N, C-alpha and C. Protein backbone atom coordinates (compact mmCIF):
# COMPACT_ATOMS: atom_id res chain seq x y z
N MET A 1 83.38 -22.23 42.34
CA MET A 1 82.08 -21.78 41.87
C MET A 1 82.16 -21.57 40.36
N THR A 2 81.24 -22.14 39.63
CA THR A 2 81.24 -21.99 38.18
C THR A 2 80.53 -20.70 37.78
N LYS A 3 80.69 -20.37 36.50
CA LYS A 3 80.04 -19.16 35.98
C LYS A 3 78.52 -19.27 36.15
N ASN A 4 77.98 -20.46 35.89
CA ASN A 4 76.53 -20.67 36.03
C ASN A 4 76.08 -20.48 37.47
N ASP A 5 76.88 -20.99 38.43
CA ASP A 5 76.55 -20.81 39.84
C ASP A 5 76.53 -19.32 40.19
N ASN A 6 77.51 -18.59 39.67
CA ASN A 6 77.59 -17.16 39.93
C ASN A 6 76.37 -16.45 39.36
N ASN A 7 75.96 -16.82 38.13
CA ASN A 7 74.76 -16.21 37.53
C ASN A 7 73.53 -16.51 38.36
N ASN A 8 73.41 -17.75 38.84
CA ASN A 8 72.27 -18.10 39.69
C ASN A 8 72.27 -17.27 40.96
N ASN A 9 73.44 -17.07 41.55
CA ASN A 9 73.54 -16.29 42.77
C ASN A 9 73.12 -14.84 42.56
N ILE A 10 73.56 -14.24 41.47
CA ILE A 10 73.20 -12.83 41.26
C ILE A 10 71.71 -12.70 40.95
N PHE A 11 71.15 -13.67 40.26
CA PHE A 11 69.71 -13.62 39.99
C PHE A 11 68.91 -13.88 41.27
N ASP A 12 69.39 -14.81 42.09
CA ASP A 12 68.73 -15.04 43.39
C ASP A 12 68.76 -13.78 44.24
N THR A 13 69.91 -13.14 44.28
CA THR A 13 70.05 -11.90 45.06
C THR A 13 69.12 -10.83 44.52
N ALA A 14 69.10 -10.67 43.20
CA ALA A 14 68.26 -9.63 42.58
C ALA A 14 66.79 -9.86 42.87
N LEU A 15 66.38 -11.11 42.79
CA LEU A 15 64.96 -11.41 43.05
C LEU A 15 64.62 -11.27 44.53
N HIS A 16 65.51 -11.75 45.38
CA HIS A 16 65.27 -11.68 46.82
C HIS A 16 65.20 -10.22 47.30
N LYS A 17 66.12 -9.40 46.79
CA LYS A 17 66.17 -8.00 47.22
C LYS A 17 65.26 -7.09 46.38
N LYS A 18 64.59 -7.69 45.42
CA LYS A 18 63.67 -6.93 44.56
C LYS A 18 64.37 -5.72 43.93
N TYR A 19 65.51 -6.00 43.30
CA TYR A 19 66.29 -4.93 42.67
C TYR A 19 65.48 -4.14 41.67
N ARG A 20 65.72 -2.85 41.67
CA ARG A 20 65.19 -1.95 40.66
C ARG A 20 66.39 -1.21 40.07
N PHE A 21 66.29 -0.92 38.80
CA PHE A 21 67.38 -0.25 38.10
C PHE A 21 66.93 1.15 37.73
N GLU A 22 67.85 2.09 37.83
CA GLU A 22 67.53 3.48 37.52
C GLU A 22 67.60 3.68 36.01
N TYR A 23 66.43 3.68 35.39
CA TYR A 23 66.34 3.93 33.95
C TYR A 23 64.97 4.52 33.68
N LYS A 24 64.95 5.78 33.34
CA LYS A 24 63.68 6.49 33.11
C LYS A 24 62.73 6.19 34.27
N GLY A 25 63.20 6.38 35.44
CA GLY A 25 62.48 6.01 36.65
C GLY A 25 63.07 4.73 37.19
N GLN A 26 62.24 3.85 37.65
CA GLN A 26 62.69 2.57 38.18
C GLN A 26 62.15 1.43 37.31
N ILE A 27 63.03 0.50 36.92
CA ILE A 27 62.58 -0.67 36.17
C ILE A 27 63.05 -1.93 36.89
N SER A 28 62.35 -3.02 36.62
CA SER A 28 62.67 -4.29 37.28
C SER A 28 63.68 -5.08 36.44
N LEU A 29 64.12 -6.17 37.01
CA LEU A 29 65.04 -7.07 36.31
C LEU A 29 64.42 -7.54 34.99
N GLU A 30 63.15 -7.91 35.02
CA GLU A 30 62.48 -8.39 33.81
C GLU A 30 62.46 -7.31 32.73
N ASP A 31 62.33 -6.05 33.16
CA ASP A 31 62.28 -4.94 32.20
C ASP A 31 63.58 -4.78 31.43
N LEU A 32 64.69 -5.25 32.01
CA LEU A 32 65.98 -5.16 31.31
C LEU A 32 65.91 -5.86 29.95
N TYR A 33 65.15 -6.95 29.90
CA TYR A 33 65.06 -7.73 28.67
C TYR A 33 64.30 -6.99 27.57
N ASP A 34 63.56 -5.95 27.95
CA ASP A 34 62.82 -5.16 26.96
C ASP A 34 63.65 -4.02 26.39
N LEU A 35 64.80 -3.75 26.99
CA LEU A 35 65.65 -2.66 26.52
C LEU A 35 66.45 -3.09 25.30
N SER A 36 66.79 -2.11 24.47
CA SER A 36 67.64 -2.41 23.32
C SER A 36 69.07 -2.62 23.82
N MET A 37 69.91 -3.15 22.95
CA MET A 37 71.30 -3.37 23.34
C MET A 37 71.99 -2.03 23.63
N GLN A 38 71.64 -0.99 22.88
CA GLN A 38 72.23 0.33 23.13
C GLN A 38 71.78 0.87 24.49
N GLU A 39 70.52 0.68 24.81
CA GLU A 39 70.02 1.14 26.12
C GLU A 39 70.70 0.37 27.25
N LEU A 40 70.90 -0.93 27.05
CA LEU A 40 71.61 -1.72 28.06
C LEU A 40 73.05 -1.25 28.21
N ASP A 41 73.68 -0.95 27.10
CA ASP A 41 75.06 -0.46 27.15
C ASP A 41 75.14 0.85 27.91
N ASN A 42 74.20 1.75 27.66
CA ASN A 42 74.17 3.03 28.38
C ASN A 42 73.97 2.81 29.88
N LEU A 43 73.08 1.89 30.22
CA LEU A 43 72.81 1.57 31.62
C LEU A 43 74.05 0.95 32.27
N TYR A 44 74.72 0.09 31.52
CA TYR A 44 75.95 -0.56 32.00
C TYR A 44 77.01 0.51 32.34
N LYS A 45 77.16 1.49 31.45
CA LYS A 45 78.12 2.57 31.68
C LYS A 45 77.75 3.36 32.93
N LYS A 46 76.47 3.59 33.11
CA LYS A 46 76.00 4.34 34.29
C LYS A 46 76.38 3.60 35.57
N TYR A 47 76.17 2.28 35.59
CA TYR A 47 76.50 1.51 36.80
C TYR A 47 78.01 1.32 36.95
N THR A 48 78.75 1.37 35.86
CA THR A 48 80.21 1.34 35.94
C THR A 48 80.69 2.56 36.71
N LEU A 49 80.12 3.72 36.38
CA LEU A 49 80.49 4.96 37.09
C LEU A 49 80.09 4.90 38.57
N LYS A 50 78.92 4.34 38.85
CA LYS A 50 78.47 4.22 40.25
C LYS A 50 79.44 3.36 41.05
N ILE A 51 79.90 2.27 40.44
CA ILE A 51 80.84 1.38 41.13
C ILE A 51 82.16 2.10 41.40
N LYS A 52 82.63 2.86 40.41
CA LYS A 52 83.87 3.61 40.59
C LYS A 52 83.72 4.62 41.72
N GLU A 53 82.58 5.29 41.80
CA GLU A 53 82.33 6.25 42.87
C GLU A 53 82.31 5.55 44.23
N GLU A 54 81.71 4.37 44.30
CA GLU A 54 81.67 3.61 45.55
C GLU A 54 83.08 3.26 46.02
N LYS A 55 83.92 2.87 45.08
CA LYS A 55 85.29 2.47 45.43
C LYS A 55 86.09 3.65 45.94
N ILE A 56 85.88 4.80 45.32
CA ILE A 56 86.60 5.99 45.71
C ILE A 56 86.17 6.46 47.09
N GLN A 57 84.88 6.40 47.37
CA GLN A 57 84.34 6.94 48.61
C GLN A 57 84.50 6.01 49.80
N SER A 58 84.81 4.75 49.56
CA SER A 58 84.86 3.77 50.64
C SER A 58 86.25 3.70 51.26
N LEU A 59 86.27 3.62 52.60
CA LEU A 59 87.53 3.43 53.32
C LEU A 59 87.74 1.96 53.63
N MET A 60 86.70 1.17 53.44
CA MET A 60 86.78 -0.24 53.79
C MET A 60 87.00 -1.08 52.55
N ASN A 61 87.74 -2.16 52.72
CA ASN A 61 87.92 -3.11 51.64
C ASN A 61 86.89 -4.22 51.83
N ASN A 62 85.75 -4.06 51.20
CA ASN A 62 84.64 -4.99 51.40
C ASN A 62 84.76 -6.15 50.42
N GLU A 63 84.79 -7.38 50.94
CA GLU A 63 84.92 -8.55 50.08
C GLU A 63 83.62 -8.93 49.39
N TYR A 64 82.51 -8.39 49.85
CA TYR A 64 81.22 -8.69 49.24
C TYR A 64 80.92 -7.69 48.14
N LYS A 65 80.17 -8.16 47.18
CA LYS A 65 79.79 -7.28 46.07
C LYS A 65 78.67 -6.35 46.53
N SER A 66 78.78 -5.12 46.10
CA SER A 66 77.73 -4.15 46.40
C SER A 66 76.52 -4.43 45.51
N ASP A 67 75.39 -3.84 45.88
CA ASP A 67 74.20 -3.98 45.05
C ASP A 67 74.46 -3.46 43.64
N ASN A 68 75.19 -2.36 43.53
CA ASN A 68 75.49 -1.80 42.21
C ASN A 68 76.38 -2.73 41.39
N GLU A 69 77.30 -3.42 42.04
CA GLU A 69 78.15 -4.38 41.32
C GLU A 69 77.32 -5.56 40.80
N ILE A 70 76.39 -6.01 41.60
CA ILE A 70 75.51 -7.11 41.17
C ILE A 70 74.62 -6.64 40.03
N LYS A 71 74.07 -5.43 40.15
CA LYS A 71 73.25 -4.89 39.07
C LYS A 71 74.06 -4.77 37.78
N HIS A 72 75.30 -4.34 37.93
CA HIS A 72 76.22 -4.21 36.81
C HIS A 72 76.38 -5.56 36.10
N GLU A 73 76.57 -6.61 36.88
CA GLU A 73 76.71 -7.97 36.32
C GLU A 73 75.42 -8.43 35.65
N LEU A 74 74.30 -8.10 36.24
CA LEU A 74 73.00 -8.49 35.66
C LEU A 74 72.79 -7.81 34.31
N ILE A 75 73.10 -6.55 34.23
CA ILE A 75 72.96 -5.81 32.97
C ILE A 75 73.86 -6.44 31.91
N LYS A 76 75.08 -6.76 32.30
CA LYS A 76 76.03 -7.40 31.38
C LYS A 76 75.49 -8.75 30.91
N HIS A 77 74.93 -9.52 31.82
CA HIS A 77 74.37 -10.82 31.47
C HIS A 77 73.24 -10.68 30.46
N VAL A 78 72.33 -9.76 30.71
CA VAL A 78 71.19 -9.56 29.81
C VAL A 78 71.69 -9.09 28.44
N PHE A 79 72.68 -8.20 28.44
CA PHE A 79 73.24 -7.72 27.18
C PHE A 79 73.79 -8.88 26.36
N HIS A 80 74.59 -9.76 27.00
CA HIS A 80 75.18 -10.90 26.28
C HIS A 80 74.10 -11.89 25.83
N TYR A 81 73.08 -12.05 26.62
CA TYR A 81 71.95 -12.93 26.24
C TYR A 81 71.31 -12.40 24.96
N LYS A 82 71.01 -11.10 24.94
CA LYS A 82 70.38 -10.50 23.77
C LYS A 82 71.31 -10.51 22.57
N GLN A 83 72.59 -10.32 22.81
CA GLN A 83 73.58 -10.35 21.74
C GLN A 83 73.64 -11.74 21.11
N ASP A 84 73.63 -12.77 21.93
CA ASP A 84 73.63 -14.15 21.43
C ASP A 84 72.37 -14.42 20.59
N LEU A 85 71.22 -13.95 21.06
CA LEU A 85 69.98 -14.12 20.30
C LEU A 85 70.06 -13.42 18.94
N TYR A 86 70.63 -12.23 18.94
CA TYR A 86 70.78 -11.45 17.72
C TYR A 86 71.68 -12.19 16.72
N ILE A 87 72.78 -12.73 17.21
CA ILE A 87 73.72 -13.46 16.36
C ILE A 87 73.04 -14.71 15.79
N LYS A 88 72.36 -15.47 16.64
CA LYS A 88 71.67 -16.68 16.18
C LYS A 88 70.59 -16.34 15.16
N HIS A 89 69.88 -15.25 15.39
CA HIS A 89 68.84 -14.82 14.46
C HIS A 89 69.45 -14.51 13.09
N ASN A 90 70.56 -13.77 13.09
CA ASN A 90 71.22 -13.43 11.83
C ASN A 90 71.78 -14.66 11.13
N GLN A 91 72.29 -15.61 11.91
CA GLN A 91 72.79 -16.85 11.31
C GLN A 91 71.65 -17.62 10.66
N ASN A 92 70.50 -17.65 11.30
CA ASN A 92 69.33 -18.33 10.72
C ASN A 92 68.89 -17.66 9.43
N ILE A 93 68.92 -16.33 9.42
CA ILE A 93 68.54 -15.59 8.20
C ILE A 93 69.52 -15.93 7.08
N GLU A 94 70.82 -15.97 7.39
CA GLU A 94 71.82 -16.30 6.38
C GLU A 94 71.60 -17.70 5.84
N LYS A 95 71.29 -18.65 6.71
CA LYS A 95 71.04 -20.03 6.28
C LYS A 95 69.81 -20.08 5.36
N GLN A 96 68.76 -19.36 5.75
CA GLN A 96 67.54 -19.35 4.93
C GLN A 96 67.81 -18.74 3.57
N GLU A 97 68.60 -17.66 3.52
CA GLU A 97 68.92 -17.02 2.25
C GLU A 97 69.76 -17.94 1.38
N THR A 98 70.72 -18.64 1.97
CA THR A 98 71.55 -19.58 1.23
C THR A 98 70.70 -20.72 0.68
N LYS A 99 69.80 -21.24 1.51
CA LYS A 99 68.92 -22.32 1.07
C LYS A 99 68.05 -21.86 -0.09
N ALA A 100 67.53 -20.65 -0.02
CA ALA A 100 66.68 -20.11 -1.10
C ALA A 100 67.48 -19.97 -2.39
N ARG A 101 68.74 -19.51 -2.29
CA ARG A 101 69.58 -19.38 -3.48
C ARG A 101 69.85 -20.75 -4.10
N VAL A 102 70.16 -21.74 -3.26
CA VAL A 102 70.42 -23.10 -3.75
C VAL A 102 69.19 -23.66 -4.43
N MET A 103 68.02 -23.47 -3.82
CA MET A 103 66.77 -23.95 -4.42
C MET A 103 66.53 -23.28 -5.78
N GLU A 104 66.85 -22.01 -5.86
CA GLU A 104 66.69 -21.27 -7.10
C GLU A 104 67.60 -21.84 -8.20
N ILE A 105 68.82 -22.16 -7.84
CA ILE A 105 69.78 -22.75 -8.79
C ILE A 105 69.30 -24.12 -9.24
N ILE A 106 68.82 -24.92 -8.30
CA ILE A 106 68.29 -26.25 -8.65
C ILE A 106 67.15 -26.10 -9.65
N LYS A 107 66.25 -25.16 -9.40
CA LYS A 107 65.11 -24.94 -10.29
C LYS A 107 65.59 -24.54 -11.68
N ARG A 108 66.57 -23.64 -11.75
CA ARG A 108 67.10 -23.21 -13.05
C ARG A 108 67.73 -24.39 -13.79
N LYS A 109 68.47 -25.22 -13.07
CA LYS A 109 69.11 -26.39 -13.69
C LYS A 109 68.06 -27.38 -14.18
N GLN A 110 67.01 -27.55 -13.40
CA GLN A 110 65.93 -28.44 -13.82
C GLN A 110 65.26 -27.89 -15.08
N ASP A 111 65.05 -26.58 -15.11
CA ASP A 111 64.44 -25.95 -16.28
C ASP A 111 65.35 -26.12 -17.50
N THR A 112 66.64 -25.94 -17.32
CA THR A 112 67.60 -26.09 -18.40
C THR A 112 67.59 -27.53 -18.91
N GLU A 113 67.56 -28.47 -17.98
CA GLU A 113 67.52 -29.89 -18.34
C GLU A 113 66.26 -30.19 -19.14
N LEU A 114 65.15 -29.63 -18.71
CA LEU A 114 63.88 -29.84 -19.40
C LEU A 114 63.91 -29.21 -20.80
N GLU A 115 64.47 -28.02 -20.90
CA GLU A 115 64.55 -27.33 -22.19
C GLU A 115 65.44 -28.09 -23.17
N ASN A 116 66.39 -28.83 -22.70
CA ASN A 116 67.31 -29.57 -23.57
C ASN A 116 66.72 -30.90 -24.07
N LYS A 117 65.56 -31.27 -23.59
CA LYS A 117 64.91 -32.50 -24.05
C LYS A 117 64.32 -32.28 -25.44
N SER A 118 64.22 -33.35 -26.17
CA SER A 118 63.64 -33.28 -27.51
C SER A 118 62.12 -33.13 -27.40
N ILE A 119 61.51 -32.76 -28.52
CA ILE A 119 60.05 -32.62 -28.55
C ILE A 119 59.40 -33.95 -28.22
N ARG A 120 59.94 -35.03 -28.76
CA ARG A 120 59.38 -36.36 -28.52
C ARG A 120 59.41 -36.68 -27.03
N GLU A 121 60.54 -36.39 -26.38
CA GLU A 121 60.66 -36.67 -24.94
C GLU A 121 59.65 -35.84 -24.14
N LEU A 122 59.49 -34.60 -24.55
CA LEU A 122 58.53 -33.72 -23.86
C LEU A 122 57.09 -34.23 -24.06
N GLU A 123 56.76 -34.65 -25.27
CA GLU A 123 55.42 -35.18 -25.53
C GLU A 123 55.16 -36.43 -24.71
N GLU A 124 56.17 -37.29 -24.57
CA GLU A 124 56.03 -38.49 -23.75
C GLU A 124 55.82 -38.13 -22.28
N MET A 125 56.52 -37.10 -21.84
CA MET A 125 56.35 -36.66 -20.47
C MET A 125 54.92 -36.18 -20.22
N ILE A 126 54.37 -35.46 -21.18
CA ILE A 126 53.00 -34.96 -21.05
C ILE A 126 52.02 -36.13 -20.99
N LYS A 127 52.24 -37.14 -21.82
CA LYS A 127 51.36 -38.31 -21.81
C LYS A 127 51.42 -39.02 -20.44
N ASP A 128 52.60 -39.06 -19.86
CA ASP A 128 52.77 -39.74 -18.57
C ASP A 128 52.13 -38.97 -17.41
N LEU A 129 51.93 -37.70 -17.60
CA LEU A 129 51.31 -36.90 -16.54
C LEU A 129 49.84 -37.10 -16.61
């Protein structure tokens, strides 16, 4: 089973079972995407503790994932999704800033080149415009 298959399975399970997450009441899977990364991290920690409590209280070695374990994975998935978006957004901003700086340098060089022309060359340029 690939990572993508596993993600599909947890999303299928979450949708089929209509999972709700305990955060300021009950929120849906879709609502996770509206939370900040810090809020997701806090929620992730909360479900980490729930899973630890389940393991301690259980006498059975269950090979299936509990609902809390699946919720834990879903929160982690949404966090990484948002983190990737944040990184891509920042990379785009950096590219735009670099492009703007390069354009500024080109403009300055063009201005310098123009300033170094003789009066006669400048007058000819005006006539050509």
